[in-house]
C-alpha cells in the first residue's frame, strides 16, 4: 500500500512538471564550487508560480543541514527575519512569451528585491534563473533533481503545497527596501515561511 501511495505521488509530481517545465525540485549549486547548496521547489497556484526553499545542504559535509519542515537559519536581510528554509524567495512568476516567466526574487541576506525571469533551457536540461536590477543582471543555472532522491517527508509536504492543501502562509509586511525596484501600488511582498 505504501509503495502504491508513493508511486501515485511521484506520478502526480511528474504530470505537474510535464505541464509546466519549471515546476518541481531544482538544485541550486554554489556559484564558486558548483557543489549543491540548496533545493528549491517551484509550484503553481492560480496560474502564478513561486519557488520555495525546501532544503539546505551543509557546505562542509554536503549532507542535509535543514529542511523547510525543520528550519533553523533566518533571513537576516528581511525585516521579520523568516526562516530561509520555507521562504518563497521567488514569487509572482507569470507566464510570458517563449516559455519564460517573470516575477520577483529576494536576496535573503540583504533583503533586496529584484526583477526575476525564469525559463527551462532545453538544450542543457537546466533551469535558467535571472535576477535583474535596471540594466544589470545575472543568470544562474539550476539542476533538476528527482523527488526520489529527496527526503520523503519533504516531498510529501511539497506535494500538499502544490495541491493547495496547505493553508496559505501569512504575508510578511515591511520588507520593502529603498533600493528595491519600484512595484505597482497595492502590491505587497510575498515572503513566506513554512508553518510548523
C-alpha atoms as a PDB file:
ATOM      1  CA  UNK A   1       0.000   0.000   0.000  1.00  0.00           C
ATOM      2  CA  UNK A   2       2.813   2.392   0.916  1.00  0.00           C
ATOM      3  CA  UNK A   3       4.532   1.735  -2.422  1.00  0.00           C
ATOM      4  CA  UNK A   4       1.278   2.433  -4.238  1.00  0.00           C
ATOM      5  CA  UNK A   5       0.870   5.786  -2.459  1.00  0.00           C
ATOM      6  CA  UNK A   6       4.479   6.785  -3.205  1.00  0.00           C
ATOM      7  CA  UNK A   7       4.134   5.730  -6.853  1.00  0.00           C
ATOM      8  CA  UNK A   8       0.954   7.805  -7.187  1.00  0.00           C
ATOM      9  CA  UNK A   9       2.659  10.774  -5.549  1.00  0.00           C
ATOM     10  CA  UNK A  10       5.670  10.645  -7.886  1.00  0.00           C
ATOM     11  CA  UNK A  11       3.443  10.239 -10.948  1.00  0.00           C
ATOM     12  CA  UNK A  12       1.377  13.281  -9.870  1.00  0.00           C
ATOM     13  CA  UNK A  13       4.545  15.375  -9.482  1.00  0.00           C
ATOM     14  CA  UNK A  14       5.771  14.136 -12.885  1.00  0.00           C
ATOM     15  CA  UNK A  15       2.447  15.036 -14.535  1.00  0.00           C
ATOM     16  CA  UNK A  16       2.515  18.505 -12.970  1.00  0.00           C
ATOM     17  CA  UNK A  17       6.099  19.050 -14.146  1.00  0.00           C
ATOM     18  CA  UNK A  18       5.192  17.887 -17.664  1.00  0.00           C
ATOM     19  CA  UNK A  19       2.542  20.631 -17.894  1.00  0.00           C
ATOM     20  CA  UNK A  20       4.881  23.300 -16.534  1.00  0.00           C
ATOM     21  CA  UNK A  21       8.591  22.796 -17.290  1.00  0.00           C
ATOM     22  CA  UNK A  22       9.773  24.965 -14.379  1.00  0.00           C
ATOM     23  CA  UNK A  23       7.688  23.036 -11.821  1.00  0.00           C
ATOM     24  CA  UNK A  24       9.371  20.633  -9.447  1.00  0.00           C
ATOM     25  CA  UNK A  25      12.588  20.346  -7.472  1.00  0.00           C
ATOM     26  CA  UNK A  26      15.786  22.131  -8.541  1.00  0.00           C
ATOM     27  CA  UNK A  27      19.272  22.005  -7.022  1.00  0.00           C
ATOM     28  CA  UNK A  28      20.885  25.410  -6.585  1.00  0.00           C
ATOM     29  CA  UNK A  29      24.657  24.972  -6.951  1.00  0.00           C
ATOM     30  CA  UNK A  30      27.195  27.134  -5.129  1.00  0.00           C
ATOM     31  CA  UNK A  31      28.419  29.755  -7.604  1.00  0.00           C
ATOM     32  CA  UNK A  32      32.069  29.248  -6.593  1.00  0.00           C
ATOM     33  CA  UNK A  33      32.385  25.489  -6.038  1.00  0.00           C
ATOM     34  CA  UNK A  34      29.487  24.097  -8.058  1.00  0.00           C
ATOM     35  CA  UNK A  35      28.536  21.874  -5.111  1.00  0.00           C
ATOM     36  CA  UNK A  36      24.831  21.591  -4.221  1.00  0.00           C
ATOM     37  CA  UNK A  37      23.929  24.446  -1.888  1.00  0.00           C
ATOM     38  CA  UNK A  38      20.163  24.074  -1.577  1.00  0.00           C
ATOM     39  CA  UNK A  39      16.994  22.753  -3.212  1.00  0.00           C
ATOM     40  CA  UNK A  40      14.088  24.918  -4.341  1.00  0.00           C
ATOM     41  CA  UNK A  41      10.599  23.721  -5.184  1.00  0.00           C
ATOM     42  CA  UNK A  42       8.701  25.559  -7.923  1.00  0.00           C
ATOM     43  CA  UNK A  43       4.935  25.263  -7.612  1.00  0.00           C
ATOM     44  CA  UNK A  44       1.930  26.873  -9.262  1.00  0.00           C
ATOM     45  CA  UNK A  45      -1.164  28.334  -7.662  1.00  0.00           C
ATOM     46  CA  UNK A  46      -3.855  30.044  -9.685  1.00  0.00           C
ATOM     47  CA  UNK A  47      -1.648  30.361 -12.763  1.00  0.00           C
ATOM     48  CA  UNK A  48       1.133  32.101 -10.825  1.00  0.00           C
ATOM     49  CA  UNK A  49       4.349  30.274  -9.893  1.00  0.00           C
ATOM     50  CA  UNK A  50       6.614  30.629  -6.881  1.00  0.00           C
ATOM     51  CA  UNK A  51       9.763  28.929  -5.611  1.00  0.00           C
ATOM     52  CA  UNK A  52      10.134  27.858  -2.010  1.00  0.00           C
ATOM     53  CA  UNK A  53      13.450  26.959  -0.407  1.00  0.00           C
ATOM     54  CA  UNK A  54      12.859  23.417   0.861  1.00  0.00           C
ATOM     55  CA  UNK A  55      16.315  22.129   1.762  1.00  0.00           C
ATOM     56  CA  UNK A  56      19.790  23.479   2.563  1.00  0.00           C
ATOM     57  CA  UNK A  57      22.995  21.434   2.471  1.00  0.00           C
ATOM     58  CA  UNK A  58      25.900  21.789   4.898  1.00  0.00           C
ATOM     59  CA  UNK A  59      28.707  23.451   2.946  1.00  0.00           C
ATOM     60  CA  UNK A  60      31.412  21.341   4.637  1.00  0.00           C
ATOM     61  CA  UNK A  61      29.871  17.857   4.663  1.00  0.00           C
ATOM     62  CA  UNK A  62      27.419  18.115   1.762  1.00  0.00           C
ATOM     63  CA  UNK A  63      24.745  16.492   3.929  1.00  0.00           C
ATOM     64  CA  UNK A  64      21.292  17.952   4.516  1.00  0.00           C
ATOM     65  CA  UNK A  65      21.586  20.665   7.183  1.00  0.00           C
ATOM     66  CA  UNK A  66      17.925  21.710   7.360  1.00  0.00           C
ATOM     67  CA  UNK A  67      14.588  21.397   5.587  1.00  0.00           C
ATOM     68  CA  UNK A  68      11.528  23.601   5.458  1.00  0.00           C
ATOM     69  CA  UNK A  69       9.875  21.169   7.877  1.00  0.00           C
ATOM     70  CA  UNK A  70      12.596  21.864  10.476  1.00  0.00           C
ATOM     71  CA  UNK A  71      14.087  25.255   9.565  1.00  0.00           C
ATOM     72  CA  UNK A  72      16.922  26.870  11.512  1.00  0.00           C
ATOM     73  CA  UNK A  73      18.729  29.655   9.653  1.00  0.00           C
ATOM     74  CA  UNK A  74      16.959  33.007   9.405  1.00  0.00           C
ATOM     75  CA  UNK A  75      16.915  35.572   6.592  1.00  0.00           C
ATOM     76  CA  UNK A  76      18.776  38.436   8.246  1.00  0.00           C
ATOM     77  CA  UNK A  77      18.072  40.912   5.452  1.00  0.00           C
ATOM     78  CA  UNK A  78      14.279  40.664   5.687  1.00  0.00           C
ATOM     79  CA  UNK A  79      12.796  42.761   8.480  1.00  0.00           C
ATOM     80  CA  UNK A  80      10.730  39.976  10.087  1.00  0.00           C
ATOM     81  CA  UNK A  81      13.667  37.506   9.841  1.00  0.00           C
ATOM     82  CA  UNK A  82      11.720  34.499   8.499  1.00  0.00           C
ATOM     83  CA  UNK A  83      13.449  31.143   8.154  1.00  0.00           C
ATOM     84  CA  UNK A  84      15.293  30.755   4.858  1.00  0.00           C
ATOM     85  CA  UNK A  85      14.006  27.196   4.503  1.00  0.00           C
ATOM     86  CA  UNK A  86      10.312  27.672   3.850  1.00  0.00           C
ATOM     87  CA  UNK A  87      10.761  31.094   2.282  1.00  0.00           C
ATOM     88  CA  UNK A  88       9.099  31.779  -1.063  1.00  0.00           C
ATOM     89  CA  UNK A  89      12.151  33.639  -2.303  1.00  0.00           C
ATOM     90  CA  UNK A  90      10.870  33.787  -5.882  1.00  0.00           C
ATOM     91  CA  UNK A  91       7.233  34.768  -6.293  1.00  0.00           C
ATOM     92  CA  UNK A  92       4.611  36.261  -8.590  1.00  0.00           C
ATOM     93  CA  UNK A  93       6.010  34.438 -11.645  1.00  0.00           C
ATOM     94  CA  UNK A  94       3.606  34.909 -14.525  1.00  0.00           C
ATOM     95  CA  UNK A  95       3.945  33.275 -17.946  1.00  0.00           C
ATOM     96  CA  UNK A  96       5.335  35.401 -20.754  1.00  0.00           C
ATOM     97  CA  UNK A  97       6.186  34.610 -24.357  1.00  0.00           C
ATOM     98  CA  UNK A  98       8.742  31.985 -25.291  1.00  0.00           C
ATOM     99  CA  UNK A  99       8.172  29.783 -22.223  1.00  0.00           C
ATOM    100  CA  UNK A 100       9.564  32.409 -19.859  1.00  0.00           C
ATOM    101  CA  UNK A 101       8.143  33.502 -16.528  1.00  0.00           C
ATOM    102  CA  UNK A 102       8.636  36.943 -14.981  1.00  0.00           C
ATOM    103  CA  UNK A 103       8.274  37.853 -11.318  1.00  0.00           C
ATOM    104  CA  UNK A 104      10.391  38.861  -8.335  1.00  0.00           C
ATOM    105  CA  UNK A 105      13.240  37.385  -6.288  1.00  0.00           C
ATOM    106  CA  UNK A 106      14.598  38.413  -2.885  1.00  0.00           C
ATOM    107  CA  UNK A 107      18.134  38.062  -1.580  1.00  0.00           C
ATOM    108  CA  UNK A 108      17.560  36.711   1.966  1.00  0.00           C
ATOM    109  CA  UNK A 109      20.887  38.113   3.192  1.00  0.00           C
ATOM    110  CA  UNK A 110      20.290  41.710   2.097  1.00  0.00           C
ATOM    111  CA  UNK A 111      16.515  41.817   1.703  1.00  0.00           C
ATOM    112  CA  UNK A 112      16.870  43.427  -1.728  1.00  0.00           C
ATOM    113  CA  UNK A 113      14.121  42.587  -4.195  1.00  0.00           C
ATOM    114  CA  UNK A 114      14.962  42.198  -7.887  1.00  0.00           C
ATOM    115  CA  UNK A 115      13.068  41.512 -11.087  1.00  0.00           C
ATOM    116  CA  UNK A 116      13.309  37.829 -11.924  1.00  0.00           C
ATOM    117  CA  UNK A 117      12.989  35.845 -15.109  1.00  0.00           C
ATOM    118  CA  UNK A 118      12.870  32.037 -15.178  1.00  0.00           C
ATOM    119  CA  UNK A 119      12.856  29.608 -18.101  1.00  0.00           C
ATOM    120  CA  UNK A 120      13.672  25.993 -18.844  1.00  0.00           C
ATOM    121  CA  UNK A 121      16.769  25.717 -21.036  1.00  0.00           C
ATOM    122  CA  UNK A 122      16.011  22.571 -23.057  1.00  0.00           C
ATOM    123  CA  UNK A 123      19.490  22.069 -24.607  1.00  0.00           C
ATOM    124  CA  UNK A 124      21.194  21.966 -21.196  1.00  0.00           C
ATOM    125  CA  UNK A 125      18.154  20.499 -19.353  1.00  0.00           C
ATOM    126  CA  UNK A 126      18.659  23.151 -16.664  1.00  0.00           C
ATOM    127  CA  UNK A 127      16.531  25.899 -15.210  1.00  0.00           C
ATOM    128  CA  UNK A 128      17.762  29.405 -16.003  1.00  0.00           C
ATOM    129  CA  UNK A 129      17.073  31.922 -13.218  1.00  0.00           C
ATOM    130  CA  UNK A 130      17.936  35.557 -13.922  1.00  0.00           C
ATOM    131  CA  UNK A 131      17.814  38.371 -11.380  1.00  0.00           C
ATOM    132  CA  UNK A 132      17.908  41.937 -12.696  1.00  0.00           C
ATOM    133  CA  UNK A 133      18.227  45.454 -11.343  1.00  0.00           C
ATOM    134  CA  UNK A 134      17.815  48.113 -14.035  1.00  0.00           C
ATOM    135  CA  UNK A 135      20.151  47.033 -16.871  1.00  0.00           C
ATOM    136  CA  UNK A 136      22.340  44.772 -14.732  1.00  0.00           C
ATOM    137  CA  UNK A 137      21.597  41.110 -14.233  1.00  0.00           C
ATOM    138  CA  UNK A 138      22.964  37.680 -13.541  1.00  0.00           C
ATOM    139  CA  UNK A 139      21.748  34.310 -14.793  1.00  0.00           C
ATOM    140  CA  UNK A 140      22.278  31.131 -12.792  1.00  0.00           C
ATOM    141  CA  UNK A 141      21.539  27.607 -13.955  1.00  0.00           C
ATOM    142  CA  UNK A 142      19.901  25.135 -11.597  1.00  0.00           C
ATOM    143  CA  UNK A 143      19.885  21.370 -11.986  1.00  0.00           C
ATOM    144  CA  UNK A 144      16.785  19.166 -11.843  1.00  0.00           C
ATOM    145  CA  UNK A 145      16.581  16.681  -9.000  1.00  0.00           C
ATOM    146  CA  UNK A 146      14.279  13.687  -8.873  1.00  0.00           C
ATOM    147  CA  UNK A 147      11.832  13.574  -5.972  1.00  0.00           C
ATOM    148  CA  UNK A 148      13.000  10.063  -5.077  1.00  0.00           C
ATOM    149  CA  UNK A 149      16.449  11.486  -4.198  1.00  0.00           C
ATOM    150  CA  UNK A 150      14.983  13.763  -1.511  1.00  0.00           C
ATOM    151  CA  UNK A 151      13.600  13.016   1.960  1.00  0.00           C
ATOM    152  CA  UNK A 152      10.076  11.633   1.586  1.00  0.00           C
ATOM    153  CA  UNK A 153       8.594  13.977   4.203  1.00  0.00           C
ATOM    154  CA  UNK A 154       9.883  16.997   2.254  1.00  0.00           C
ATOM    155  CA  UNK A 155       8.409  15.642  -0.998  1.00  0.00           C
ATOM    156  CA  UNK A 156       5.033  14.893   0.629  1.00  0.00           C
ATOM    157  CA  UNK A 157       4.844  18.374   2.167  1.00  0.00           C
ATOM    158  CA  UNK A 158       5.788  19.991  -1.155  1.00  0.00           C
ATOM    159  CA  UNK A 159       3.104  17.943  -2.906  1.00  0.00           C
ATOM    160  CA  UNK A 160       0.490  19.244  -0.458  1.00  0.00           C
ATOM    161  CA  UNK A 161       1.706  22.781  -1.099  1.00  0.00           C
ATOM    162  CA  UNK A 162       1.341  22.333  -4.870  1.00  0.00           C
ATOM    163  CA  UNK A 163      -2.178  20.889  -4.496  1.00  0.00           C
ATOM    164  CA  UNK A 164      -3.213  23.787  -2.287  1.00  0.00           C
ATOM    165  CA  UNK A 165      -3.872  21.556   0.729  1.00  0.00           C
ATOM    166  CA  UNK A 166      -1.625  23.677   2.919  1.00  0.00           C
ATOM    167  CA  UNK A 167      -3.140  26.915   4.150  1.00  0.00           C
ATOM    168  CA  UNK A 168      -1.507  29.931   2.509  1.00  0.00           C
ATOM    169  CA  UNK A 169       1.350  31.157   4.663  1.00  0.00           C
ATOM    170  CA  UNK A 170       0.944  34.578   6.282  1.00  0.00           C
ATOM    171  CA  UNK A 171       2.250  37.538   4.316  1.00  0.00           C
ATOM    172  CA  UNK A 172       5.122  39.266   5.971  1.00  0.00           C
ATOM    173  CA  UNK A 173       4.980  43.019   5.779  1.00  0.00           C
ATOM    174  CA  UNK A 174       7.541  45.791   5.922  1.00  0.00           C
ATOM    175  CA  UNK A 175      10.041  44.102   3.644  1.00  0.00           C
ATOM    176  CA  UNK A 176      10.470  46.794   1.015  1.00  0.00           C
ATOM    177  CA  UNK A 177      13.940  48.216   0.653  1.00  0.00           C
ATOM    178  CA  UNK A 178      14.811  51.738  -0.538  1.00  0.00           C
ATOM    179  CA  UNK A 179      16.949  50.397  -3.375  1.00  0.00           C
ATOM    180  CA  UNK A 180      14.472  47.736  -4.446  1.00  0.00           C
ATOM    181  CA  UNK A 181      12.824  48.168  -7.848  1.00  0.00           C
ATOM    182  CA  UNK A 182       9.546  50.028  -7.768  1.00  0.00           C
ATOM    183  CA  UNK A 183       6.475  47.867  -7.539  1.00  0.00           C
ATOM    184  CA  UNK A 184       2.903  48.679  -8.504  1.00  0.00           C
ATOM    185  CA  UNK A 185       0.811  50.311  -5.811  1.00  0.00           C
ATOM    186  CA  UNK A 186      -1.172  47.971  -3.628  1.00  0.00           C
ATOM    187  CA  UNK A 187       1.146  45.031  -4.233  1.00  0.00           C
ATOM    188  CA  UNK A 188       2.572  43.538  -1.062  1.00  0.00           C
ATOM    189  CA  UNK A 189       5.760  41.492  -0.962  1.00  0.00           C
ATOM    190  CA  UNK A 190       5.072  37.783  -0.600  1.00  0.00           C
ATOM    191  CA  UNK A 191       7.780  36.390   1.589  1.00  0.00           C
ATOM    192  CA  UNK A 192       6.515  33.192   3.135  1.00  0.00           C
ATOM    193  CA  UNK A 193       7.703  30.699   5.653  1.00  0.00           C
ATOM    194  CA  UNK A 194       6.542  27.205   6.403  1.00  0.00           C
ATOM    195  CA  UNK A 195       4.233  26.610   9.303  1.00  0.00           C
ATOM    196  CA  UNK A 196       5.325  24.056  11.868  1.00  0.00           C
END
